[in-house]
C-alpha atoms as a PDB file:
ATOM      1  CA  MET A   1      79.918-235.427-101.740  1.00  0.00           C
ATOM      2  CA  LEU A   2      78.418-233.080 -99.150  1.00  0.00           C
ATOM      3  CA  ARG A   3      80.646-231.080 -96.845  1.00  0.00           C
ATOM      4  CA  ASP A   4      79.859-229.153 -93.701  1.00  0.00           C
ATOM      5  CA  TYR A   5      81.603-225.810 -94.160  1.00  0.00           C
ATOM      6  CA  SER A   6      82.096-223.736 -91.065  1.00  0.00           C
ATOM      7  CA  VAL A   7      83.972-220.597 -90.200  1.00  0.00           C
ATOM      8  CA  GLN A   8      87.011-222.813 -89.607  1.00  0.00           C
ATOM      9  CA  HIS A   9      86.872-224.229 -93.167  1.00  0.00           C
ATOM     10  CA  SER A  10      87.144-222.385 -96.458  1.00  0.00           C
ATOM     11  CA  SER A  11      83.918-222.039 -98.315  1.00  0.00           C
ATOM     12  CA  PRO A  12      83.932-222.459-102.100  1.00  0.00           C
ATOM     13  CA  VAL A  13      82.144-219.099-102.186  1.00  0.00           C
ATOM     14  CA  PRO A  14      84.247-216.794 -99.951  1.00  0.00           C
ATOM     15  CA  GLU A  15      81.550-214.216 -99.241  1.00  0.00           C
ATOM     16  CA  ILE A  16      79.214-216.919 -97.951  1.00  0.00           C
ATOM     17  CA  ARG A  17      79.717-218.114 -94.414  1.00  0.00           C
ATOM     18  CA  VAL A  18      77.749-221.034 -93.043  1.00  0.00           C
ATOM     19  CA  ALA A  19      77.275-221.385 -89.305  1.00  0.00           C
ATOM     20  CA  SER A  20      79.508-224.025 -87.774  1.00  0.00           C
ATOM     21  CA  HIS A  21      76.482-225.901 -86.416  1.00  0.00           C
ATOM     22  CA  ALA A  22      74.903-226.279 -89.864  1.00  0.00           C
ATOM     23  CA  THR A  23      74.480-229.787 -91.153  1.00  0.00           C
ATOM     24  CA  ALA A  24      75.972-230.922 -94.444  1.00  0.00           C
ATOM     25  CA  ALA A  25      72.496-230.990 -96.006  1.00  0.00           C
ATOM     26  CA  ILE A  26      71.815-227.379 -95.043  1.00  0.00           C
ATOM     27  CA  SER A  27      75.249-226.319 -96.294  1.00  0.00           C
ATOM     28  CA  ALA A  28      74.636-228.030 -99.636  1.00  0.00           C
ATOM     29  CA  LEU A  29      71.167-226.489 -99.957  1.00  0.00           C
ATOM     30  CA  HIS A  30      72.538-223.068 -99.085  1.00  0.00           C
ATOM     31  CA  LEU A  31      75.254-223.387-101.714  1.00  0.00           C
ATOM     32  CA  LEU A  32      72.654-224.500-104.266  1.00  0.00           C
ATOM     33  CA  PHE A  33      70.549-221.372-103.570  1.00  0.00           C
ATOM     34  CA  VAL A  34      73.595-219.128-103.888  1.00  0.00           C
ATOM     35  CA  ARG A  35      74.644-220.727-107.184  1.00  0.00           C
ATOM     36  CA  ARG A  36      71.139-220.543-108.658  1.00  0.00           C
ATOM     37  CA  LEU A  37      70.721-216.925-107.640  1.00  0.00           C
ATOM     38  CA  GLU A  38      74.074-216.047-109.221  1.00  0.00           C
ATOM     39  CA  ASP A  39      73.177-218.015-112.375  1.00  0.00           C
ATOM     40  CA  CYS A  40      69.903-216.105-112.603  1.00  0.00           C
ATOM     41  CA  ARG A  41      71.680-212.757-112.212  1.00  0.00           C
ATOM     42  CA  LYS A  42      74.251-213.572-114.901  1.00  0.00           C
ATOM     43  CA  ASN A  43      72.443-215.722-117.453  1.00  0.00           C
ATOM     44  CA  HIS A  44      68.683-215.238-117.437  1.00  0.00           C
ATOM     45  CA  ALA A  45      67.773-212.409-119.785  1.00  0.00           C
ATOM     46  CA  ARG A  46      64.087-212.833-118.983  1.00  0.00           C
ATOM     47  CA  CYS A  47      64.709-212.413-115.239  1.00  0.00           C
ATOM     48  CA  ASN A  48      66.875-209.361-115.871  1.00  0.00           C
ATOM     49  CA  ASP A  49      64.222-207.827-118.152  1.00  0.00           C
ATOM     50  CA  TYR A  50      61.656-208.378-115.405  1.00  0.00           C
ATOM     51  CA  LYS A  51      63.998-206.735-112.879  1.00  0.00           C
ATOM     52  CA  ARG A  52      64.363-203.693-115.142  1.00  0.00           C
ATOM     53  CA  GLN A  53      60.579-203.423-115.420  1.00  0.00           C
ATOM     54  CA  LEU A  54      60.223-203.602-111.644  1.00  0.00           C
ATOM     55  CA  ARG A  55      62.789-200.840-111.176  1.00  0.00           C
ATOM     56  CA  SER A  56      60.590-198.487-113.195  1.00  0.00           C
ATOM     57  CA  LEU A  57      57.818-198.963-110.624  1.00  0.00           C
ATOM     58  CA  ARG A  58      57.623-197.002-107.416  1.00  0.00           C
ATOM     59  CA  GLN A  59      60.143-198.204-104.859  1.00  0.00           C
ATOM     60  CA  PRO A  60      59.444-198.445-101.129  1.00  0.00           C
ATOM     61  CA  CYS A  61      59.979-195.261 -99.120  1.00  0.00           C
ATOM     62  CA  TYR A  62      62.182-197.115 -96.635  1.00  0.00           C
ATOM     63  CA  LEU A  63      64.154-200.354 -96.551  1.00  0.00           C
ATOM     64  CA  LEU A  64      66.031-202.257 -93.879  1.00  0.00           C
ATOM     65  CA  ASP A  65      69.777-202.231 -94.440  1.00  0.00           C
ATOM     66  CA  LEU A  66      70.997-205.499 -92.958  1.00  0.00           C
ATOM     67  CA  GLY A  67      74.623-204.400 -92.896  1.00  0.00           C
ATOM     68  CA  SER A  68      77.223-207.160 -92.877  1.00  0.00           C
ATOM     69  CA  TRP A  69      77.598-210.596 -91.367  1.00  0.00           C
ATOM     70  CA  GLY A  70      77.990-210.251 -87.602  1.00  0.00           C
ATOM     71  CA  ASP A  71      76.444-206.780 -87.270  1.00  0.00           C
ATOM     72  CA  GLU A  72      74.165-206.535 -84.254  1.00  0.00           C
ATOM     73  CA  GLU A  73      71.905-203.867 -85.727  1.00  0.00           C
ATOM     74  CA  VAL A  74      69.829-203.273 -88.833  1.00  0.00           C
ATOM     75  CA  TRP A  75      69.012-199.781 -90.074  1.00  0.00           C
ATOM     76  CA  LEU A  76      66.047-198.180 -91.746  1.00  0.00           C
ATOM     77  CA  ILE A  77      67.256-196.308 -94.837  1.00  0.00           C
ATOM     78  CA  GLU A  78      65.806-194.279 -97.674  1.00  0.00           C
ATOM     79  CA  PRO A  79      66.722-196.189-100.832  1.00  0.00           C
ATOM     80  CA  GLY A  80      68.444-194.577-103.784  1.00  0.00           C
ATOM     81  CA  LYS A  81      66.705-194.445-107.134  1.00  0.00           C
ATOM     82  CA  SER A  82      68.213-197.722-108.373  1.00  0.00           C
ATOM     83  CA  THR A  83      68.637-199.598-105.099  1.00  0.00           C
ATOM     84  CA  SER A  84      68.189-203.364-105.392  1.00  0.00           C
ATOM     85  CA  PHE A  85      66.211-205.014-102.630  1.00  0.00           C
ATOM     86  CA  ALA A  86      64.612-208.288-101.596  1.00  0.00           C
ATOM     87  CA  ILE A  87      61.171-208.598-100.086  1.00  0.00           C
ATOM     88  CA  LEU A  88      60.137-210.794 -97.177  1.00  0.00           C
ATOM     89  CA  SER A  89      56.468-211.597 -96.908  1.00  0.00           C
ATOM     90  CA  TYR A  90      55.721-212.146 -93.248  1.00  0.00           C
ATOM     91  CA  CYS A  91      52.388-212.130 -91.461  1.00  0.00           C
ATOM     92  CA  ARG A  92      51.987-212.803 -87.769  1.00  0.00           C
ATOM     93  CA  GLY A  93      49.018-210.727 -86.760  1.00  0.00           C
ATOM     94  CA  GLN A  94      49.144-207.187 -85.457  1.00  0.00           C
ATOM     95  CA  PRO A  95      52.683-205.815 -85.217  1.00  0.00           C
ATOM     96  CA  PRO A  96      53.718-204.385 -81.877  1.00  0.00           C
ATOM     97  CA  PRO A  97      53.896-200.574 -81.941  1.00  0.00           C
ATOM     98  CA  ASP A  98      57.713-200.533 -81.847  1.00  0.00           C
ATOM     99  CA  TYR A  99      57.856-202.411 -85.209  1.00  0.00           C
ATOM    100  CA  THR A 100      55.707-199.832 -86.972  1.00  0.00           C
ATOM    101  CA  THR A 101      57.487-196.825 -88.441  1.00  0.00           C
ATOM    102  CA  THR A 102      55.570-193.575 -88.059  1.00  0.00           C
ATOM    103  CA  SER A 103      56.542-189.938 -88.516  1.00  0.00           C
ATOM    104  CA  ALA A 104      56.860-189.740 -84.728  1.00  0.00           C
ATOM    105  CA  ASN A 105      59.516-192.480 -84.494  1.00  0.00           C
ATOM    106  CA  LEU A 106      61.192-192.172 -87.917  1.00  0.00           C
ATOM    107  CA  GLN A 107      64.466-190.677 -86.633  1.00  0.00           C
ATOM    108  CA  TYR A 108      64.655-193.325 -83.914  1.00  0.00           C
ATOM    109  CA  SER A 109      64.008-196.061 -86.495  1.00  0.00           C
ATOM    110  CA  MET A 110      66.777-194.764 -88.752  1.00  0.00           C
ATOM    111  CA  ALA A 111      69.264-194.892 -85.861  1.00  0.00           C
ATOM    112  CA  GLY A 112      69.104-198.699 -85.967  1.00  0.00           C
ATOM    113  CA  PHE A 113      67.354-201.652 -84.380  1.00  0.00           C
ATOM    114  CA  LEU A 114      69.074-204.301 -82.308  1.00  0.00           C
ATOM    115  CA  LEU A 115      68.684-207.544 -84.199  1.00  0.00           C
ATOM    116  CA  LYS A 116      68.344-209.522 -80.955  1.00  0.00           C
ATOM    117  CA  ASN A 117      65.037-207.704 -80.279  1.00  0.00           C
ATOM    118  CA  PHE A 118      63.428-209.078 -83.455  1.00  0.00           C
ATOM    119  CA  PRO A 119      61.481-212.359 -83.463  1.00  0.00           C
ATOM    120  CA  LYS A 120      63.616-215.411 -84.302  1.00  0.00           C
ATOM    121  CA  THR A 121      61.844-215.788 -87.660  1.00  0.00           C
ATOM    122  CA  ILE A 122      63.012-212.324 -88.708  1.00  0.00           C
ATOM    123  CA  ARG A 123      66.541-212.907 -87.367  1.00  0.00           C
ATOM    124  CA  ASP A 124      66.716-216.137 -89.378  1.00  0.00           C
ATOM    125  CA  ALA A 125      65.525-214.282 -92.489  1.00  0.00           C
ATOM    126  CA  VAL A 126      68.296-211.705 -91.959  1.00  0.00           C
ATOM    127  CA  TRP A 127      70.955-214.458 -91.796  1.00  0.00           C
ATOM    128  CA  VAL A 128      69.586-216.180 -94.906  1.00  0.00           C
ATOM    129  CA  THR A 129      69.487-212.876 -96.786  1.00  0.00           C
ATOM    130  CA  LEU A 130      73.063-212.016 -95.819  1.00  0.00           C
ATOM    131  CA  GLY A 131      74.123-215.561 -96.685  1.00  0.00           C
ATOM    132  CA  LEU A 132      72.747-215.046-100.193  1.00  0.00           C
ATOM    133  CA  GLY A 133      75.014-212.046-100.567  1.00  0.00           C
ATOM    134  CA  LEU A 134      72.201-209.511-100.217  1.00  0.00           C
ATOM    135  CA  ARG A 135      72.044-206.643 -97.800  1.00  0.00           C
END
């Protein structure tokens, strides 16, 4: 049986909130992704070995910290040595200058970006990432 969980209903996974306008199919798919990701983290030795190997490689200089559900900003941060992160592959042509971090705008970038100023595709990716329990 598929259910449409919303902020008014309890979710079987408390840290996951599904928008109230989501359909039952999307809610079920979302829950499936969350469960599979958690299963991978807990039970797949091969995946965990691969993750350890990746951690020994050079990490990015900066990451976006997505904060928490409902935050209106995201922040550019310098990751710690063992920071976990997810990668979004996104290509849409030349980025506008205000989406490119340079030494001239680094401090401004670290002060935070309003999420509403990002393209909808990126905003959607932020919500999916937070919904998976990642930051």
